[in-house]
């Protein structure tokens, strides 16, 4: 996950790979538990902590699909 995150931060590419690395049960959604593992692994590097708080709040309401996650990535890394 950390490698995929760093690749995305440096190039803006690889969002699909990042999503798949977070979706450890391969159900094409990111669940709260998977999200927490991801957040801990990247140690909030490269993005303002508020963006991670928003992501965490989104995941508490429902499971995130790839499009929701990509939208967050774009917003968080502008």
C-alpha atoms as a PDB file:
ATOM      1  CA  UNK A   1       0.000   0.000   0.000  1.00  0.00           C
ATOM      2  CA  UNK A   2       2.716   2.438   0.912  1.00  0.00           C
ATOM      3  CA  UNK A   3       4.538   1.902  -2.379  1.00  0.00           C
ATOM      4  CA  UNK A   4       1.340   2.376  -4.364  1.00  0.00           C
ATOM      5  CA  UNK A   5       0.585   5.531  -2.373  1.00  0.00           C
ATOM      6  CA  UNK A   6       4.036   6.994  -3.013  1.00  0.00           C
ATOM      7  CA  UNK A   7       3.755   6.175  -6.730  1.00  0.00           C
ATOM      8  CA  UNK A   8       0.428   7.973  -6.902  1.00  0.00           C
ATOM      9  CA  UNK A   9       1.773  11.018  -5.047  1.00  0.00           C
ATOM     10  CA  UNK A  10       4.812  11.324  -7.287  1.00  0.00           C
ATOM     11  CA  UNK A  11       3.122  10.710 -10.635  1.00  0.00           C
ATOM     12  CA  UNK A  12      -0.648  11.002 -10.273  1.00  0.00           C
ATOM     13  CA  UNK A  13      -0.851   7.537 -11.792  1.00  0.00           C
ATOM     14  CA  UNK A  14      -1.737   4.200 -10.281  1.00  0.00           C
ATOM     15  CA  UNK A  15      -5.024   4.978  -8.556  1.00  0.00           C
ATOM     16  CA  UNK A  16      -6.449   1.611  -9.645  1.00  0.00           C
ATOM     17  CA  UNK A  17      -3.466  -0.229  -8.153  1.00  0.00           C
ATOM     18  CA  UNK A  18      -3.768   1.800  -4.966  1.00  0.00           C
ATOM     19  CA  UNK A  19      -7.459   0.999  -4.666  1.00  0.00           C
ATOM     20  CA  UNK A  20      -6.815  -2.719  -5.215  1.00  0.00           C
ATOM     21  CA  UNK A  21      -4.064  -2.729  -2.597  1.00  0.00           C
ATOM     22  CA  UNK A  22      -6.460  -1.250  -0.033  1.00  0.00           C
ATOM     23  CA  UNK A  23      -9.319  -3.605  -1.013  1.00  0.00           C
ATOM     24  CA  UNK A  24      -7.751  -6.637   0.636  1.00  0.00           C
ATOM     25  CA  UNK A  25     -10.877  -8.812   0.486  1.00  0.00           C
ATOM     26  CA  UNK A  26     -11.269  -8.055  -3.263  1.00  0.00           C
ATOM     27  CA  UNK A  27     -14.960  -7.135  -3.087  1.00  0.00           C
ATOM     28  CA  UNK A  28     -14.385  -3.956  -5.163  1.00  0.00           C
ATOM     29  CA  UNK A  29     -15.152  -1.692  -2.211  1.00  0.00           C
ATOM     30  CA  UNK A  30     -13.101  -0.236   0.606  1.00  0.00           C
ATOM     31  CA  UNK A  31     -14.472  -1.000   4.029  1.00  0.00           C
ATOM     32  CA  UNK A  32     -13.709   0.916   7.210  1.00  0.00           C
ATOM     33  CA  UNK A  33     -11.346  -1.774   8.493  1.00  0.00           C
ATOM     34  CA  UNK A  34      -9.366  -1.787   5.230  1.00  0.00           C
ATOM     35  CA  UNK A  35      -9.247   1.987   5.260  1.00  0.00           C
ATOM     36  CA  UNK A  36      -7.724   2.099   8.733  1.00  0.00           C
ATOM     37  CA  UNK A  37      -4.973  -0.314   7.711  1.00  0.00           C
ATOM     38  CA  UNK A  38      -4.204   1.913   4.712  1.00  0.00           C
ATOM     39  CA  UNK A  39      -4.160   5.127   6.754  1.00  0.00           C
ATOM     40  CA  UNK A  40      -1.762   3.603   9.258  1.00  0.00           C
ATOM     41  CA  UNK A  41       0.513   2.234   6.520  1.00  0.00           C
ATOM     42  CA  UNK A  42       0.974   5.575   4.739  1.00  0.00           C
ATOM     43  CA  UNK A  43       1.274   7.600   7.940  1.00  0.00           C
ATOM     44  CA  UNK A  44      -0.666  10.495   6.324  1.00  0.00           C
ATOM     45  CA  UNK A  45       2.373  11.316   4.163  1.00  0.00           C
ATOM     46  CA  UNK A  46       1.728  13.646   1.253  1.00  0.00           C
ATOM     47  CA  UNK A  47      -1.755  14.852   2.126  1.00  0.00           C
ATOM     48  CA  UNK A  48      -3.141  17.244   4.666  1.00  0.00           C
ATOM     49  CA  UNK A  49      -4.576  15.279   7.627  1.00  0.00           C
ATOM     50  CA  UNK A  50      -7.998  16.874   7.010  1.00  0.00           C
ATOM     51  CA  UNK A  51      -8.237  14.969   3.724  1.00  0.00           C
ATOM     52  CA  UNK A  52      -7.711  11.685   5.550  1.00  0.00           C
ATOM     53  CA  UNK A  53     -10.367  12.694   8.081  1.00  0.00           C
ATOM     54  CA  UNK A  54     -12.810  13.263   5.217  1.00  0.00           C
ATOM     55  CA  UNK A  55     -11.958   9.846   3.757  1.00  0.00           C
ATOM     56  CA  UNK A  56     -12.497   8.199   7.123  1.00  0.00           C
ATOM     57  CA  UNK A  57     -15.873   9.933   7.512  1.00  0.00           C
ATOM     58  CA  UNK A  58     -16.960   8.815   4.042  1.00  0.00           C
ATOM     59  CA  UNK A  59     -16.084   5.208   4.796  1.00  0.00           C
ATOM     60  CA  UNK A  60     -18.107   5.185   8.019  1.00  0.00           C
ATOM     61  CA  UNK A  61     -21.328   5.849   6.095  1.00  0.00           C
ATOM     62  CA  UNK A  62     -20.817   3.096   3.531  1.00  0.00           C
ATOM     63  CA  UNK A  63     -18.206   1.153   1.653  1.00  0.00           C
ATOM     64  CA  UNK A  64     -16.289   3.231  -0.879  1.00  0.00           C
ATOM     65  CA  UNK A  65     -16.237   2.155  -4.482  1.00  0.00           C
ATOM     66  CA  UNK A  66     -13.395   2.935  -6.860  1.00  0.00           C
ATOM     67  CA  UNK A  67     -15.008   6.086  -8.298  1.00  0.00           C
ATOM     68  CA  UNK A  68     -15.579   7.601  -4.842  1.00  0.00           C
ATOM     69  CA  UNK A  69     -12.015   6.804  -3.865  1.00  0.00           C
ATOM     70  CA  UNK A  70     -10.628   8.341  -7.077  1.00  0.00           C
ATOM     71  CA  UNK A  71     -12.669  11.499  -6.506  1.00  0.00           C
ATOM     72  CA  UNK A  72     -11.186  11.770  -3.045  1.00  0.00           C
ATOM     73  CA  UNK A  73      -7.654  11.232  -4.404  1.00  0.00           C
ATOM     74  CA  UNK A  74      -8.036  14.075  -6.859  1.00  0.00           C
ATOM     75  CA  UNK A  75      -9.365  16.412  -4.202  1.00  0.00           C
ATOM     76  CA  UNK A  76      -6.793  15.424  -1.588  1.00  0.00           C
ATOM     77  CA  UNK A  77      -3.737  15.722  -3.801  1.00  0.00           C
ATOM     78  CA  UNK A  78      -4.499  18.981  -5.649  1.00  0.00           C
END
